[in-house]
Amino acid sequence: MGQQEVYNFLKENKGKWFTSKQISHETGVSIGSVTMSLKKLRKSQLIKYKNTGKRNEYHYMYK
């Protein structure tokens, strides 16, 4: 559970950047599951991501 919900959420909100905490809050998926899902989606290059400038904080978007 988790990866498909995260992917669908990003796909439904094309053009907007989200942090993992925002994704977790909006989808109801735990932060740990969201983090692992985003890591897998990053490796498969299905999503865009960028560093916010803060330590280990990234924004994610559907490609």
PDB file of N, CA and C in Angstrom:
ATOM      1  N   MET A   1       0.837  -1.188   0.000  1.00  0.00           N
ATOM      2  CA  MET A   1       0.000   0.000   0.000  1.00  0.00           C
ATOM      3  C   MET A   1       0.881   1.250   0.000  1.00  0.00           C
ATOM      4  N   GLY A   2       0.472   2.253  -0.717  1.00  0.00           N
ATOM      5  CA  GLY A   2       1.191   3.507  -0.656  1.00  0.00           C
ATOM      6  C   GLY A   2       1.691   4.027  -1.984  1.00  0.00           C
ATOM      7  N   GLN A   3       2.488   3.226  -2.681  1.00  0.00           N
ATOM      8  CA  GLN A   3       3.135   3.737  -3.891  1.00  0.00           C
ATOM      9  C   GLN A   3       2.108   4.166  -4.935  1.00  0.00           C
ATOM     10  N   GLN A   4       1.086   3.367  -5.153  1.00  0.00           N
ATOM     11  CA  GLN A   4       0.079   3.716  -6.155  1.00  0.00           C
ATOM     12  C   GLN A   4      -0.691   4.970  -5.741  1.00  0.00           C
ATOM     13  N   GLU A   5      -0.998   5.086  -4.449  1.00  0.00           N
ATOM     14  CA  GLU A   5      -1.710   6.262  -3.961  1.00  0.00           C
ATOM     15  C   GLU A   5      -0.871   7.528  -4.147  1.00  0.00           C
ATOM     16  N   VAL A   6       0.412   7.430  -3.847  1.00  0.00           N
ATOM     17  CA  VAL A   6       1.319   8.566  -4.003  1.00  0.00           C
ATOM     18  C   VAL A   6       1.418   8.956  -5.473  1.00  0.00           C
ATOM     19  N   TYR A   7       1.604   7.968  -6.337  1.00  0.00           N
ATOM     20  CA  TYR A   7       1.713   8.223  -7.774  1.00  0.00           C
ATOM     21  C   TYR A   7       0.428   8.862  -8.302  1.00  0.00           C
ATOM     22  N   ASN A   8      -0.716   8.310  -7.911  1.00  0.00           N
ATOM     23  CA  ASN A   8      -1.999   8.858  -8.365  1.00  0.00           C
ATOM     24  C   ASN A   8      -2.208  10.290  -7.874  1.00  0.00           C
ATOM     25  N   PHE A   9      -1.835  10.561  -6.635  1.00  0.00           N
ATOM     26  CA  PHE A   9      -1.972  11.908  -6.085  1.00  0.00           C
ATOM     27  C   PHE A   9      -1.153  12.904  -6.898  1.00  0.00           C
ATOM     28  N   LEU A  10       0.106  12.562  -7.182  1.00  0.00           N
ATOM     29  CA  LEU A  10       0.955  13.463  -7.961  1.00  0.00           C
ATOM     30  C   LEU A  10       0.415  13.643  -9.380  1.00  0.00           C
ATOM     31  N   LYS A  11      -0.095  12.555  -9.951  1.00  0.00           N
ATOM     32  CA  LYS A  11      -0.637  12.603 -11.315  1.00  0.00           C
ATOM     33  C   LYS A  11      -1.875  13.492 -11.376  1.00  0.00           C
ATOM     34  N   GLU A  12      -2.729  13.406 -10.346  1.00  0.00           N
ATOM     35  CA  GLU A  12      -3.949  14.215 -10.295  1.00  0.00           C
ATOM     36  C   GLU A  12      -3.645  15.697 -10.060  1.00  0.00           C
ATOM     37  N   ASN A  13      -2.470  15.991  -9.525  1.00  0.00           N
ATOM     38  CA  ASN A  13      -2.085  17.374  -9.218  1.00  0.00           C
ATOM     39  C   ASN A  13      -0.888  17.806 -10.063  1.00  0.00           C
ATOM     40  N   LYS A  14      -0.960  17.529 -11.352  1.00  0.00           N
ATOM     41  CA  LYS A  14       0.119  17.880 -12.276  1.00  0.00           C
ATOM     42  C   LYS A  14       0.446  19.360 -12.185  1.00  0.00           C
ATOM     43  N   GLY A  15       1.736  19.664 -12.288  1.00  0.00           N
ATOM     44  CA  GLY A  15       2.164  21.055 -12.308  1.00  0.00           C
ATOM     45  C   GLY A  15       2.360  21.676 -10.940  1.00  0.00           C
ATOM     46  N   LYS A  16       2.134  20.912  -9.864  1.00  0.00           N
ATOM     47  CA  LYS A  16       2.301  21.436  -8.515  1.00  0.00           C
ATOM     48  C   LYS A  16       3.381  20.645  -7.789  1.00  0.00           C
ATOM     49  N   TRP A  17       4.164  21.345  -6.977  1.00  0.00           N
ATOM     50  CA  TRP A  17       5.209  20.709  -6.179  1.00  0.00           C
ATOM     51  C   TRP A  17       4.686  20.417  -4.773  1.00  0.00           C
ATOM     52  N   PHE A  18       5.083  19.265  -4.212  1.00  0.00           N
ATOM     53  CA  PHE A  18       4.670  18.858  -2.870  1.00  0.00           C
ATOM     54  C   PHE A  18       5.851  18.285  -2.109  1.00  0.00           C
ATOM     55  N   THR A  19       5.846  18.481  -0.787  1.00  0.00           N
ATOM     56  CA  THR A  19       6.822  17.803   0.068  1.00  0.00           C
ATOM     57  C   THR A  19       6.234  16.441   0.449  1.00  0.00           C
ATOM     58  N   SER A  20       7.072  15.570   0.971  1.00  0.00           N
ATOM     59  CA  SER A  20       6.591  14.253   1.391  1.00  0.00           C
ATOM     60  C   SER A  20       5.560  14.382   2.514  1.00  0.00           C
ATOM     61  N   LYS A  21       5.733  15.365   3.390  1.00  0.00           N
ATOM     62  CA  LYS A  21       4.771  15.578   4.478  1.00  0.00           C
ATOM     63  C   LYS A  21       3.406  15.990   3.926  1.00  0.00           C
ATOM     64  N   GLN A  22       3.411  16.851   2.929  1.00  0.00           N
ATOM     65  CA  GLN A  22       2.150  17.269   2.313  1.00  0.00           C
ATOM     66  C   GLN A  22       1.460  16.088   1.644  1.00  0.00           C
ATOM     67  N   ILE A  23       2.233  15.270   0.947  1.00  0.00           N
ATOM     68  CA  ILE A  23       1.675  14.098   0.268  1.00  0.00           C
ATOM     69  C   ILE A  23       1.076  13.150   1.298  1.00  0.00           C
ATOM     70  N   SER A  24       1.794  12.911   2.388  1.00  0.00           N
ATOM     71  CA  SER A  24       1.312  12.038   3.448  1.00  0.00           C
ATOM     72  C   SER A  24      -0.003  12.552   4.020  1.00  0.00           C
ATOM     73  N   HIS A  25      -0.069  13.839   4.289  1.00  0.00           N
ATOM     74  CA  HIS A  25      -1.271  14.449   4.860  1.00  0.00           C
ATOM     75  C   HIS A  25      -2.458  14.332   3.900  1.00  0.00           C
ATOM     76  N   GLU A  26      -2.235  14.613   2.628  1.00  0.00           N
ATOM     77  CA  GLU A  26      -3.318  14.618   1.637  1.00  0.00           C
ATOM     78  C   GLU A  26      -3.820  13.216   1.285  1.00  0.00           C
ATOM     79  N   THR A  27      -2.929  12.233   1.291  1.00  0.00           N
ATOM     80  CA  THR A  27      -3.314  10.875   0.892  1.00  0.00           C
ATOM     81  C   THR A  27      -3.707   9.986   2.064  1.00  0.00           C
ATOM     82  N   GLY A  28      -3.297  10.359   3.273  1.00  0.00           N
ATOM     83  CA  GLY A  28      -3.573   9.513   4.431  1.00  0.00           C
ATOM     84  C   GLY A  28      -2.627   8.338   4.550  1.00  0.00           C
ATOM     85  N   VAL A  29      -1.551   8.351   3.766  1.00  0.00           N
ATOM     86  CA  VAL A  29      -0.531   7.302   3.800  1.00  0.00           C
ATOM     87  C   VAL A  29       0.552   7.750   4.779  1.00  0.00           C
ATOM     88  N   SER A  30       1.080   6.822   5.561  1.00  0.00           N
ATOM     89  CA  SER A  30       2.095   7.179   6.556  1.00  0.00           C
ATOM     90  C   SER A  30       3.319   7.798   5.892  1.00  0.00           C
ATOM     91  N   ILE A  31       4.008   8.638   6.645  1.00  0.00           N
ATOM     92  CA  ILE A  31       5.188   9.334   6.113  1.00  0.00           C
ATOM     93  C   ILE A  31       6.273   8.345   5.690  1.00  0.00           C
ATOM     94  N   GLY A  32       6.417   7.251   6.417  1.00  0.00           N
ATOM     95  CA  GLY A  32       7.403   6.231   6.058  1.00  0.00           C
ATOM     96  C   GLY A  32       7.093   5.582   4.721  1.00  0.00           C
ATOM     97  N   SER A  33       5.820   5.254   4.512  1.00  0.00           N
ATOM     98  CA  SER A  33       5.402   4.661   3.234  1.00  0.00           C
ATOM     99  C   SER A  33       5.559   5.647   2.085  1.00  0.00           C
ATOM    100  N   VAL A  34       5.234   6.903   2.340  1.00  0.00           N
ATOM    101  CA  VAL A  34       5.374   7.938   1.317  1.00  0.00           C
ATOM    102  C   VAL A  34       6.844   8.086   0.934  1.00  0.00           C
ATOM    103  N   THR A  35       7.723   8.127   1.925  1.00  0.00           N
ATOM    104  CA  THR A  35       9.159   8.281   1.671  1.00  0.00           C
ATOM    105  C   THR A  35       9.692   7.131   0.825  1.00  0.00           C
ATOM    106  N   MET A  36       9.324   5.909   1.176  1.00  0.00           N
ATOM    107  CA  MET A  36       9.786   4.741   0.409  1.00  0.00           C
ATOM    108  C   MET A  36       9.200   4.751  -1.009  1.00  0.00           C
ATOM    109  N   SER A  37       7.936   5.126  -1.126  1.00  0.00           N
ATOM    110  CA  SER A  37       7.294   5.192  -2.437  1.00  0.00           C
ATOM    111  C   SER A  37       7.963   6.223  -3.329  1.00  0.00           C
ATOM    112  N   LEU A  38       8.259   7.395  -2.767  1.00  0.00           N
ATOM    113  CA  LEU A  38       8.916   8.445  -3.548  1.00  0.00           C
ATOM    114  C   LEU A  38      10.307   8.014  -3.985  1.00  0.00           C
ATOM    115  N   LYS A  39      11.004   7.301  -3.129  1.00  0.00           N
ATOM    116  CA  LYS A  39      12.336   6.796  -3.475  1.00  0.00           C
ATOM    117  C   LYS A  39      12.256   5.854  -4.681  1.00  0.00           C
ATOM    118  N   LYS A  40      11.272   4.959  -4.677  1.00  0.00           N
ATOM    119  CA  LYS A  40      11.091   4.027  -5.791  1.00  0.00           C
ATOM    120  C   LYS A  40      10.678   4.759  -7.065  1.00  0.00           C
ATOM    121  N   LEU A  41       9.782   5.733  -6.920  1.00  0.00           N
ATOM    122  CA  LEU A  41       9.333   6.502  -8.082  1.00  0.00           C
ATOM    123  C   LEU A  41      10.460   7.341  -8.667  1.00  0.00           C
ATOM    124  N   ARG A  42      11.343   7.854  -7.807  1.00  0.00           N
ATOM    125  CA  ARG A  42      12.509   8.605  -8.287  1.00  0.00           C
ATOM    126  C   ARG A  42      13.429   7.705  -9.100  1.00  0.00           C
ATOM    127  N   LYS A  43      13.666   6.486  -8.614  1.00  0.00           N
ATOM    128  CA  LYS A  43      14.545   5.550  -9.325  1.00  0.00           C
ATOM    129  C   LYS A  43      13.967   5.168 -10.688  1.00  0.00           C
ATOM    130  N   SER A  44      12.651   5.046 -10.765  1.00  0.00           N
ATOM    131  CA  SER A  44      12.020   4.679 -12.034  1.00  0.00           C
ATOM    132  C   SER A  44      11.799   5.892 -12.929  1.00  0.00           C
ATOM    133  N   GLN A  45      12.177   7.074 -12.446  1.00  0.00           N
ATOM    134  CA  GLN A  45      12.106   8.340 -13.187  1.00  0.00           C
ATOM    135  C   GLN A  45      10.686   8.695 -13.624  1.00  0.00           C
ATOM    136  N   LEU A  46       9.699   8.360 -12.792  1.00  0.00           N
ATOM    137  CA  LEU A  46       8.311   8.681 -13.085  1.00  0.00           C
ATOM    138  C   LEU A  46       7.902  10.042 -12.522  1.00  0.00           C
ATOM    139  N   ILE A  47       8.747  10.595 -11.639  1.00  0.00           N
ATOM    140  CA  ILE A  47       8.434  11.886 -11.033  1.00  0.00           C
ATOM    141  C   ILE A  47       9.653  12.793 -11.086  1.00  0.00           C
ATOM    142  N   LYS A  48       9.406  14.100 -10.989  1.00  0.00           N
ATOM    143  CA  LYS A  48      10.490  15.086 -10.883  1.00  0.00           C
ATOM    144  C   LYS A  48      10.695  15.393  -9.409  1.00  0.00           C
ATOM    145  N   TYR A  49      11.911  15.775  -9.057  1.00  0.00           N
ATOM    146  CA  TYR A  49      12.158  16.210  -7.690  1.00  0.00           C
ATOM    147  C   TYR A  49      13.250  17.256  -7.684  1.00  0.00           C
ATOM    148  N   LYS A  50      13.217  18.109  -6.650  1.00  0.00           N
ATOM    149  CA  LYS A  50      14.239  19.145  -6.504  1.00  0.00           C
ATOM    150  C   LYS A  50      14.471  19.391  -5.025  1.00  0.00           C
ATOM    151  N   ASN A  51      15.693  19.763  -4.696  1.00  0.00           N
ATOM    152  CA  ASN A  51      16.042  20.091  -3.323  1.00  0.00           C
ATOM    153  C   ASN A  51      15.529  21.488  -3.023  1.00  0.00           C
ATOM    154  N   THR A  52      14.961  21.667  -1.839  1.00  0.00           N
ATOM    155  CA  THR A  52      14.406  22.966  -1.462  1.00  0.00           C
ATOM    156  C   THR A  52      15.464  23.911  -0.915  1.00  0.00           C
ATOM    157  N   GLY A  53      16.660  23.392  -0.682  1.00  0.00           N
ATOM    158  CA  GLY A  53      17.709  24.201  -0.083  1.00  0.00           C
ATOM    159  C   GLY A  53      17.851  23.914   1.403  1.00  0.00           C
ATOM    160  N   LYS A  54      16.807  23.339   1.964  1.00  0.00           N
ATOM    161  CA  LYS A  54      16.871  22.928   3.364  1.00  0.00           C
ATOM    162  C   LYS A  54      17.440  21.517   3.432  1.00  0.00           C
ATOM    163  N   ARG A  55      17.978  21.169   4.562  1.00  0.00           N
ATOM    164  CA  ARG A  55      18.617  19.869   4.727  1.00  0.00           C
ATOM    165  C   ARG A  55      17.636  18.726   4.456  1.00  0.00           C
ATOM    166  N   ASN A  56      17.945  17.923   3.478  1.00  0.00           N
ATOM    167  CA  ASN A  56      17.177  16.720   3.137  1.00  0.00           C
ATOM    168  C   ASN A  56      15.688  16.976   2.907  1.00  0.00           C
ATOM    169  N   GLU A  57      15.334  18.122   2.386  1.00  0.00           N
ATOM    170  CA  GLU A  57      13.934  18.382   2.064  1.00  0.00           C
ATOM    171  C   GLU A  57      13.797  18.562   0.562  1.00  0.00           C
ATOM    172  N   TYR A  58      12.901  17.797  -0.020  1.00  0.00           N
ATOM    173  CA  TYR A  58      12.697  17.817  -1.463  1.00  0.00           C
ATOM    174  C   TYR A  58      11.239  18.124  -1.801  1.00  0.00           C
ATOM    175  N   HIS A  59      11.036  18.654  -2.981  1.00  0.00           N
ATOM    176  CA  HIS A  59       9.705  18.830  -3.544  1.00  0.00           C
ATOM    177  C   HIS A  59       9.559  17.831  -4.686  1.00  0.00           C
ATOM    178  N   TYR A  60       8.363  17.299  -4.829  1.00  0.00           N
ATOM    179  CA  TYR A  60       8.099  16.271  -5.829  1.00  0.00           C
ATOM    180  C   TYR A  60       6.946  16.693  -6.726  1.00  0.00           C
ATOM    181  N   MET A  61       7.027  16.254  -8.003  1.00  0.00           N
ATOM    182  CA  MET A  61       6.001  16.588  -8.981  1.00  0.00           C
ATOM    183  C   MET A  61       5.890  15.462  -9.999  1.00  0.00           C
ATOM    184  N   TYR A  62       4.687  15.278 -10.530  1.00  0.00           N
ATOM    185  CA  TYR A  62       4.486  14.308 -11.610  1.00  0.00           C
ATOM    186  C   TYR A  62       5.204  14.793 -12.858  1.00  0.00           C
ATOM    187  N   LYS A  63       5.887  13.895 -13.549  1.00  0.00           N
ATOM    188  CA  LYS A  63       6.637  14.268 -14.756  1.00  0.00           C
ATOM    189  C   LYS A  63       5.764  14.610 -15.915  1.00  0.00           C
TER     190      LYS A  63
END
